[in-house]
C-alpha cells in the first residue's frame, strides 16, 4: 500500500500556491491521485503525476502536484488517492491554516517625535503569503487604562507596496503618520495589530511611552552685562523647548573650569513649551574663551557657543585727536578722549611721521611723554580716560608734523587709530 511521506504547500507566482504530495513504496505502479475542492466536491485544476521506480526496482514512488489559487484553501482542498492495495480511497485535507508563511513582525520604531512636526511610527513585516494583510493601530493616552483605535482624522495608517521576496513570500512596511501635539500625545503608547489569513489570532507589537521633544532655540546671542562691583555677567536665553528638563554648563579658560547652572525653566508664551535664561558670572581676572553648552533630550550632540574677549560689547570709543596751540619752545599737548571700554587695561601708543617721508615711527620717549589719566568709572560701569602726548615743539623737527594715536584693548582684535596733522607751530 502507498505510504504518505510528505505533503507541502509552496508559494507560486502571482496569487497561486503549489500543492504537492509524495506517496512511496507501493506496488503495482498504477495509482490514481485527485485534487478537489471539499466544499464544491469538484476537481480544482489539472494536476501532474510522476511515477518513479525505486532502487530495488520492485516498488514505486509517486509525486503529484497541483497549482491552485490560494483562496481555494479557504474552503479546504482535498487530495485523494486510490490503489489496488487499498480497500477504500485515502485522502488528506489542506486548509489555509496549513500555510507556513505567517507574517514576521519586527519591533516598532519611531522617528523623533517633535511637537507640531509630522512624525512616523513604523514596522517592517515580512515572510507572509498571500499578500492580503490588515494592519490596525491602537493608542493609549498617558494616564488612560486601555487602548482604543486611533482617530483616523489625526492618525494616517499606510502600508507600503507588498514586495515579492526570493522565496515568493511578501514584505512591506506599515506606518502611522501623525503630527504630535501636547498634551494629547505626550507619553502615549501604541499597538500595531497585524491580521493575516495564515494566522488565527492577530500578532501585536507595542511601543511607548513616547516622548515628544522640541529643540531649544537661541533667538538672540549671549548677552553681557556689567555689575556695579565690576563683575561681567553672561546670560544665555533658550526658548520654546520641550520637555522642560535641560542642563546648561558654563566654563572658562583653556582648562575649562566648569560651573553647572540650575536655572529653572518657565513656561513659554505658547503655553506648551518652555524658556530658560542662564546667567554666568565670569571669574576675575577675566579668563577667555568662555564656553556654554546645553544638554536636552531633543539633541543628540550638545550644542555649544564659544565666547572670546572680542565678543565683549565694551570696545573703546575714541574721539578725534585735539591739540593745544603749538608754541615754539613751550610745552604743548595733543590729547584724545577714550570711553566705553571694559576692562580698564588699555594701551596707547603714539607714532609720528618722519620728516620728508611717508613713514610713521614711534615717538622718541626722551622728547615726547605719554600720559593716560586715571580710568573713570561711568554710569554704565564702563571706563573712560584721556590719553595725552606732551612735548615742547622745536624747529624744524615739529613743523607740519603728523601724529597717530593707536589704542589697544583686550576686546579688540586690531588696534584703533586716530590721526592729527600737519600741525603748525606758532
Protein backbone atom coordinates (compact mmCIF):
# COMPACT_ATOMS: atom_id res chain seq x y z
CA UNK A 1 0.00 0.00 0.00
CA UNK A 2 1.25 3.57 -0.66
CA UNK A 3 2.87 5.31 2.25
CA UNK A 4 2.21 9.03 2.57
CA UNK A 5 5.52 10.69 3.34
CA UNK A 6 5.15 14.34 2.54
CA UNK A 7 2.52 16.91 1.62
CA UNK A 8 3.57 20.52 1.10
CA UNK A 9 2.23 23.88 0.03
CA UNK A 10 4.67 26.29 -1.60
CA UNK A 11 4.12 29.87 -2.82
CA UNK A 12 3.99 30.13 -6.57
CA UNK A 13 3.82 33.08 -8.92
CA UNK A 14 1.02 35.61 -8.65
CA UNK A 15 -1.65 34.56 -6.11
CA UNK A 16 -1.23 30.83 -6.56
CA UNK A 17 0.26 28.07 -4.45
CA UNK A 18 1.81 24.76 -5.42
CA UNK A 19 0.39 21.76 -3.52
CA UNK A 20 2.45 18.60 -3.70
CA UNK A 21 2.00 15.04 -2.40
CA UNK A 22 4.59 12.27 -2.29
CA UNK A 23 3.49 8.61 -1.90
CA UNK A 24 6.17 5.98 -1.52
CA UNK A 25 6.80 2.25 -1.80
CA UNK A 26 3.67 0.89 -3.47
CA UNK A 27 3.01 -1.87 -5.98
CA UNK A 28 1.70 -2.19 -8.62
CA UNK A 29 2.52 1.14 -10.20
CA UNK A 30 -0.98 2.11 -11.26
CA UNK A 31 -2.30 4.72 -8.83
CA UNK A 32 -4.94 7.43 -9.12
CA UNK A 33 -4.44 10.82 -7.37
CA UNK A 34 -7.09 13.53 -7.49
CA UNK A 35 -7.17 17.09 -6.08
CA UNK A 36 -10.58 18.57 -5.29
CA UNK A 37 -12.41 21.34 -3.50
CA UNK A 38 -14.06 19.85 -0.43
CA UNK A 39 -16.88 22.37 -0.33
CA UNK A 40 -17.74 22.05 -4.01
CA UNK A 41 -16.68 18.42 -4.30
CA UNK A 42 -15.18 19.27 -7.67
CA UNK A 43 -11.74 18.82 -9.13
CA UNK A 44 -9.89 22.11 -8.94
CA UNK A 45 -7.20 22.33 -11.52
CA UNK A 46 -5.44 19.71 -13.53
CA UNK A 47 -2.63 18.07 -11.63
CA UNK A 48 0.55 16.37 -12.66
CA UNK A 49 1.71 12.95 -11.60
CA UNK A 50 5.08 11.34 -11.86
CA UNK A 51 5.83 7.69 -11.13
CA UNK A 52 9.36 6.79 -10.04
CA UNK A 53 10.69 3.26 -9.70
CA UNK A 54 12.63 2.74 -6.50
CA UNK A 55 16.14 1.37 -6.26
CA UNK A 56 15.01 -2.19 -5.62
CA UNK A 57 13.05 -1.98 -8.93
CA UNK A 58 10.01 -3.62 -7.39
CA UNK A 59 8.31 -0.71 -5.64
CA UNK A 60 7.27 2.70 -6.89
CA UNK A 61 7.00 6.30 -5.66
CA UNK A 62 4.56 8.91 -6.96
CA UNK A 63 4.74 12.69 -6.91
CA UNK A 64 1.55 14.66 -7.59
CA UNK A 65 1.44 18.42 -7.92
CA UNK A 66 -1.41 20.89 -8.31
CA UNK A 67 -1.26 24.67 -8.73
CA UNK A 68 -4.31 26.42 -7.27
CA UNK A 69 -5.37 29.93 -6.26
CA UNK A 70 -4.52 30.37 -2.59
CA UNK A 71 -8.13 31.39 -1.92
CA UNK A 72 -9.15 27.82 -2.66
CA UNK A 73 -7.58 26.91 0.68
CA UNK A 74 -10.20 28.97 2.46
CA UNK A 75 -12.72 26.17 1.91
CA UNK A 76 -10.17 23.33 2.25
CA UNK A 77 -8.54 21.32 -0.51
CA UNK A 78 -8.55 17.52 -0.51
CA UNK A 79 -6.12 15.21 -2.20
CA UNK A 80 -7.40 11.65 -2.63
CA UNK A 81 -5.58 8.55 -3.84
CA UNK A 82 -6.80 5.09 -4.81
CA UNK A 83 -4.72 1.97 -5.33
CA UNK A 84 -5.34 -1.74 -5.76
CA UNK A 85 -3.84 -2.33 -2.33
CA UNK A 86 -6.44 -0.09 -0.64
CA UNK A 87 -10.00 -1.15 0.17
CA UNK A 88 -11.11 2.49 0.50
CA UNK A 89 -9.63 5.64 -1.05
CA UNK A 90 -7.42 7.59 1.33
CA UNK A 91 -7.26 11.37 1.50
CA UNK A 92 -5.70 14.35 3.18
CA UNK A 93 -7.22 17.82 3.61
CA UNK A 94 -5.37 21.13 3.40
CA UNK A 95 -6.71 24.42 4.76
CA UNK A 96 -5.46 27.97 4.90
CA UNK A 97 -4.04 27.39 8.38
CA UNK A 98 -1.61 24.90 6.82
CA UNK A 99 0.14 27.79 5.16
CA UNK A 100 3.58 28.17 6.72
CA UNK A 101 4.13 31.78 5.72
CA UNK A 102 2.92 33.66 8.75
CA UNK A 103 3.96 37.30 8.96
CA UNK A 104 7.17 38.04 10.83
CA UNK A 105 6.80 41.40 12.55
CA UNK A 106 9.82 43.36 13.74
CA UNK A 107 9.77 45.74 16.68
CA UNK A 108 8.11 49.12 16.21
CA UNK A 109 10.40 52.08 15.74
CA UNK A 110 9.69 55.77 15.59
CA UNK A 111 11.28 58.89 14.26
CA UNK A 112 11.99 61.60 16.81
CA UNK A 113 8.60 62.93 17.84
CA UNK A 114 8.84 66.69 17.51
CA UNK A 115 5.99 68.95 18.53
CA UNK A 116 3.82 70.13 15.61
CA UNK A 117 6.07 68.33 13.10
CA UNK A 118 4.90 65.30 11.11
CA UNK A 119 6.33 62.16 12.66
CA UNK A 120 6.19 58.45 11.94
CA UNK A 121 5.92 55.13 13.75
CA UNK A 122 6.64 52.15 11.53
CA UNK A 123 7.23 48.41 11.50
CA UNK A 124 8.65 46.04 8.91
CA UNK A 125 6.56 42.93 8.16
CA UNK A 126 7.97 40.04 6.11
CA UNK A 127 7.72 36.36 5.23
CA UNK A 128 3.96 36.24 4.62
CA UNK A 129 1.87 34.80 1.83
CA UNK A 130 -0.60 35.68 0.41
CA UNK A 131 -0.32 39.45 0.37
CA UNK A 132 -3.73 40.25 1.88
CA UNK A 133 -2.61 41.83 5.15
CA UNK A 134 -4.55 44.02 7.56
CA UNK A 135 -2.91 46.46 9.98
CA UNK A 136 -4.71 48.20 12.82
CA UNK A 137 -3.30 50.85 15.15
CA UNK A 138 -4.44 51.45 18.71
CA UNK A 139 -3.36 54.10 21.17
CA UNK A 140 -3.33 54.58 24.92
CA UNK A 141 -3.06 58.10 26.28
CA UNK A 142 -0.92 58.90 29.29
CA UNK A 143 -2.95 58.03 32.37
CA UNK A 144 -5.53 56.00 30.44
CA UNK A 145 -6.34 52.38 31.30
CA UNK A 146 -6.97 50.91 27.86
CA UNK A 147 -6.04 51.08 24.21
CA UNK A 148 -8.53 52.43 21.67
CA UNK A 149 -8.44 52.70 17.88
CA UNK A 150 -6.56 55.77 16.67
CA UNK A 151 -8.53 58.75 15.41
CA UNK A 152 -8.39 58.50 11.61
CA UNK A 153 -8.75 62.27 11.35
CA UNK A 154 -5.39 62.75 13.06
CA UNK A 155 -3.51 59.49 12.50
CA UNK A 156 -2.91 58.18 8.99
CA UNK A 157 -2.20 54.47 8.53
CA UNK A 158 -0.16 53.46 5.48
CA UNK A 159 1.08 50.13 4.14
CA UNK A 160 3.83 50.23 1.54
CA UNK A 161 3.61 48.19 -1.64
CA UNK A 162 3.97 44.45 -1.00
CA UNK A 163 7.41 43.42 -2.22
CA UNK A 164 7.92 39.88 -3.54
CA UNK A 165 10.92 38.18 -1.95
CA UNK A 166 13.20 35.48 -3.37
CA UNK A 167 11.17 32.76 -1.62
CA UNK A 168 7.95 34.17 -3.17
CA UNK A 169 6.72 35.50 0.15
CA UNK A 170 6.00 39.18 0.66
CA UNK A 171 7.29 42.03 2.78
CA UNK A 172 6.04 45.54 3.47
CA UNK A 173 6.35 48.44 5.90
CA UNK A 174 3.35 49.61 7.92
CA UNK A 175 3.45 53.22 9.11
CA UNK A 176 1.41 55.51 11.31
CA UNK A 177 1.85 59.17 10.39
CA UNK A 178 0.73 61.99 12.65
CA UNK A 179 1.67 65.42 13.94
CA UNK A 180 2.30 65.24 17.71
CA UNK A 181 0.52 67.75 19.92
CA UNK A 182 0.55 68.45 23.65
CA UNK A 183 -0.73 67.05 25.91
CA UNK A 184 -2.54 64.66 23.57
CA UNK A 185 0.49 62.62 22.50
CA UNK A 186 2.91 63.08 25.37
CA UNK A 187 3.98 59.68 26.79
CA UNK A 188 1.39 57.90 24.66
CA UNK A 189 1.65 54.20 23.81
CA UNK A 190 0.74 52.50 20.54
CA UNK A 191 -0.07 48.95 19.48
CA UNK A 192 0.25 47.73 15.90
CA UNK A 193 -2.04 44.72 15.31
CA UNK A 194 -1.39 42.61 12.20
CA UNK A 195 -4.02 40.23 10.85
CA UNK A 196 -3.31 37.69 8.10
CA UNK A 197 -5.19 34.76 6.60
CA UNK A 198 -2.45 32.37 7.76
CA UNK A 199 -2.93 33.11 11.48
CA UNK A 200 -5.89 32.57 13.75
CA UNK A 201 -5.07 35.44 16.13
CA UNK A 202 -3.57 38.86 15.28
CA UNK A 203 0.08 39.49 16.09
CA UNK A 204 0.81 42.62 18.11
CA UNK A 205 3.77 44.90 18.64
CA UNK A 206 3.87 47.75 21.14
CA UNK A 207 5.87 50.96 21.52
CA UNK A 208 5.93 53.64 24.19
CA UNK A 209 5.57 55.61 26.30
CA UNK A 210 6.82 58.04 23.64
CA UNK A 211 8.45 61.35 24.46
CA UNK A 212 7.67 64.44 22.40
CA UNK A 213 10.59 66.84 22.07
CA UNK A 214 11.22 70.35 20.81
CA UNK A 215 14.82 71.52 20.46
CA UNK A 216 15.84 74.72 22.30
CA UNK A 217 16.18 77.78 20.09
CA UNK A 218 18.74 80.53 20.56
CA UNK A 219 16.72 83.54 19.46
CA UNK A 220 19.38 86.07 20.42
CA UNK A 221 23.14 85.98 21.08
CA UNK A 222 24.66 85.69 24.54
CA UNK A 223 24.29 88.97 26.39
CA UNK A 224 26.93 90.63 28.53
CA UNK A 225 26.28 92.98 31.42
CA UNK A 226 28.43 94.80 33.96
CA UNK A 227 27.55 94.86 37.63
CA UNK A 228 28.31 97.77 39.98
CA UNK A 229 31.04 95.65 41.55
CA UNK A 230 32.75 95.30 38.18
CA UNK A 231 31.75 91.71 37.51
CA UNK A 232 30.94 90.59 33.98
CA UNK A 233 27.81 88.51 33.66
CA UNK A 234 26.93 86.41 30.62
CA UNK A 235 23.34 85.40 30.01
CA UNK A 236 22.02 82.84 27.55
CA UNK A 237 18.30 82.52 26.78
CA UNK A 238 16.96 79.31 25.24
CA UNK A 239 13.37 79.34 24.06
CA UNK A 240 10.49 77.06 23.13
CA UNK A 241 11.86 73.64 24.11
CA UNK A 242 10.16 70.53 25.46
CA UNK A 243 10.34 68.69 27.81
CA UNK A 244 11.49 71.21 30.42
CA UNK A 245 14.46 69.16 31.68
CA UNK A 246 17.65 70.85 30.47
CA UNK A 247 21.25 71.16 31.67
CA UNK A 248 23.36 74.24 30.94
CA UNK A 249 27.09 74.26 31.64
CA UNK A 250 29.46 77.22 31.58
CA UNK A 251 33.24 77.01 31.63
CA UNK A 252 36.08 79.44 31.12
CA UNK A 253 39.74 79.44 30.19
CA UNK A 254 41.77 76.80 28.42
CA UNK A 255 41.39 74.49 31.41
CA UNK A 256 37.62 74.90 31.03
CA UNK A 257 36.81 75.28 34.72
CA UNK A 258 33.19 74.15 34.83
CA UNK A 259 30.13 75.55 36.51
CA UNK A 260 26.72 73.85 36.34
CA UNK A 261 23.76 76.17 36.07
CA UNK A 262 20.50 75.24 37.77
CA UNK A 263 18.21 77.89 36.30
CA UNK A 264 14.61 76.76 36.29
CA UNK A 265 12.69 76.83 33.00
CA UNK A 266 9.46 78.79 32.80
CA UNK A 267 6.54 78.18 30.50
CA UNK A 268 6.69 79.90 27.12
CA UNK A 269 4.06 82.27 25.85
CA UNK A 270 2.55 79.46 23.73
CA UNK A 271 1.63 77.58 26.92
CA UNK A 272 3.15 74.33 25.62
CA UNK A 273 6.92 74.76 25.58
CA UNK A 274 9.49 76.25 27.97
CA UNK A 275 12.10 79.02 28.12
CA UNK A 276 15.15 79.37 30.34
CA UNK A 277 17.71 82.10 30.96
CA UNK A 278 21.07 81.07 32.38
CA UNK A 279 23.42 83.65 33.92
CA UNK A 280 27.13 83.08 34.50
CA UNK A 281 29.46 85.48 36.34
CA UNK A 282 32.95 85.47 34.87
CA UNK A 283 35.69 84.91 37.43
CA UNK A 284 38.27 87.64 37.89
CA UNK A 285 40.70 88.15 36.36
CA UNK A 286 38.76 87.67 33.14
CA UNK A 287 39.64 84.38 31.53
CA UNK A 288 38.70 83.60 27.94
CA UNK A 289 37.47 81.79 25.96
CA UNK A 290 34.15 81.12 27.70
CA UNK A 291 32.15 78.04 26.73
CA UNK A 292 28.43 77.47 27.23
CA UNK A 293 26.90 74.08 26.43
CA UNK A 294 23.39 72.71 26.89
CA UNK A 295 22.08 69.17 27.03
CA UNK A 296 18.50 68.34 26.09
CA UNK A 297 16.65 65.22 25.09
CA UNK A 298 15.87 66.67 21.66
CA UNK A 299 19.53 66.94 20.57
CA UNK A 300 21.98 64.06 20.23
CA UNK A 301 25.15 66.16 20.46
CA UNK A 302 25.11 69.03 22.98
CA UNK A 303 25.30 72.37 21.13
CA UNK A 304 27.80 74.92 22.40
CA UNK A 305 28.80 78.54 21.96
CA UNK A 306 32.37 79.81 22.31
CA UNK A 307 32.79 83.37 23.52
CA UNK A 308 36.03 85.29 23.08
CA UNK A 309 37.16 88.52 24.64
CA UNK A 310 36.43 90.26 21.35
CA UNK A 311 32.74 89.35 21.85
CA UNK A 312 32.51 91.80 24.74
CA UNK A 313 30.45 94.78 23.74
CA UNK A 314 32.57 97.33 25.59
CA UNK A 315 35.12 98.27 22.94
CA UNK A 316 36.89 101.60 23.33
CA UNK A 317 35.23 104.57 21.66
CA UNK A 318 37.94 107.01 20.56
CA UNK A 319 37.15 110.61 19.78
CA UNK A 320 39.13 112.76 17.35
CA UNK A 321 42.57 113.98 18.49
CA UNK A 322 42.73 117.63 19.50
CA UNK A 323 45.72 119.76 20.36
CA UNK A 324 46.52 122.97 22.19
CA UNK A 325 48.22 125.72 20.22
CA UNK A 326 51.74 124.53 19.45
CA UNK A 327 54.13 127.30 20.51
CA UNK A 328 57.80 127.15 19.86
CA UNK A 329 59.82 126.04 22.89
CA UNK A 330 56.65 125.92 25.04
CA UNK A 331 55.23 122.67 26.45
CA UNK A 332 52.21 121.68 24.39
CA UNK A 333 49.71 118.84 24.41
CA UNK A 334 47.93 116.54 21.97
CA UNK A 335 45.13 114.55 23.55
CA UNK A 336 42.22 112.22 22.82
CA UNK A 337 39.27 111.09 24.93
CA UNK A 338 38.63 107.33 25.14
CA UNK A 339 35.43 105.89 26.64
CA UNK A 340 33.03 102.93 26.84
CA UNK A 341 35.64 100.23 27.42
CA UNK A 342 35.92 97.34 29.84
CA UNK A 343 38.08 96.05 31.39
CA UNK A 344 40.28 99.02 32.22
CA UNK A 345 43.59 97.64 30.94
CA UNK A 346 44.21 99.92 27.97
CA UNK A 347 47.39 100.59 25.98
CA UNK A 348 48.05 103.78 24.00
CA UNK A 349 50.89 104.16 21.51
CA UNK A 350 51.91 107.37 19.72
CA UNK A 351 53.63 107.47 16.35
CA UNK A 352 54.99 110.39 14.39
CA UNK A 353 55.57 110.80 10.68
CA UNK A 354 59.22 111.21 9.82
CA UNK A 355 60.26 114.39 8.01
CA UNK A 356 60.22 114.13 4.23
CA UNK A 357 58.89 110.53 4.33
CA UNK A 358 55.52 108.80 4.48
CA UNK A 359 56.59 106.50 7.30
CA UNK A 360 55.33 106.73 10.87
CA UNK A 361 57.62 105.64 13.70
CA UNK A 362 57.28 105.51 17.47
CA UNK A 363 57.85 108.86 19.14
CA UNK A 364 61.15 109.49 20.88
CA UNK A 365 60.43 108.89 24.58
CA UNK A 366 63.21 111.31 25.51
CA UNK A 367 61.25 114.19 23.97
CA UNK A 368 57.62 113.03 23.88
CA UNK A 369 55.86 111.91 27.05
CA UNK A 370 52.75 109.70 27.02
CA UNK A 371 50.22 110.20 29.80
CA UNK A 372 46.96 108.30 30.44
CA UNK A 373 44.65 109.85 33.01
CA UNK A 374 43.05 107.77 35.73
CA UNK A 375 40.36 105.40 34.43
CA UNK A 376 37.00 106.87 35.41
CA UNK A 377 34.01 104.58 36.10
CA UNK A 378 30.94 105.63 34.11
CA UNK A 379 27.25 105.21 34.90
CA UNK A 380 27.10 102.08 32.70
CA UNK A 381 30.08 100.64 34.64
CA UNK A 382 32.48 101.03 31.70
CA UNK A 383 35.59 103.20 31.87
CA UNK A 384 36.83 106.42 30.28
CA UNK A 385 40.16 108.21 30.24
CA UNK A 386 42.15 110.82 28.37
CA UNK A 387 45.37 109.93 26.59
CA UNK A 388 47.84 112.78 26.08
CA UNK A 389 51.14 113.35 24.32
CA UNK A 390 53.17 116.13 25.94
CA UNK A 391 56.19 117.72 24.24
CA UNK A 392 57.97 121.04 23.62
CA UNK A 393 57.86 121.89 19.89
CA UNK A 394 61.13 122.75 18.15
CA UNK A 395 62.07 123.81 14.64
CA UNK A 396 62.32 122.39 12.12
CA UNK A 397 61.59 118.97 13.70
CA UNK A 398 57.94 119.57 14.67
CA UNK A 399 56.85 121.97 11.97
CA UNK A 400 53.93 120.44 9.99
CA UNK A 401 54.33 117.19 11.87
CA UNK A 402 51.65 114.46 11.88
CA UNK A 403 50.81 112.06 14.70
CA UNK A 404 48.87 108.80 15.05
CA UNK A 405 47.36 107.62 18.33
CA UNK A 406 46.96 103.83 18.40
CA UNK A 407 44.70 102.31 21.08
CA UNK A 408 44.96 98.62 22.02
CA UNK A 409 42.44 96.83 24.21
CA UNK A 410 41.66 93.20 25.05
CA UNK A 411 38.25 93.50 23.44
CA UNK A 412 39.81 94.47 20.09
CA UNK A 413 41.33 92.16 17.52
CA UNK A 414 43.02 95.12 15.81
CA UNK A 415 44.12 98.48 17.30
CA UNK A 416 42.00 101.57 16.64
CA UNK A 417 43.82 104.62 15.27
CA UNK A 418 43.22 108.35 15.17
CA UNK A 419 45.39 110.85 13.24
CA UNK A 420 46.14 114.57 13.50
CA UNK A 421 48.22 116.97 11.40
CA UNK A 422 50.05 118.51 9.70
CA UNK A 423 50.44 120.77 12.75
CA UNK A 424 51.55 124.37 12.61
CA UNK A 425 53.98 125.76 15.20
CA UNK A 426 53.25 129.34 16.16
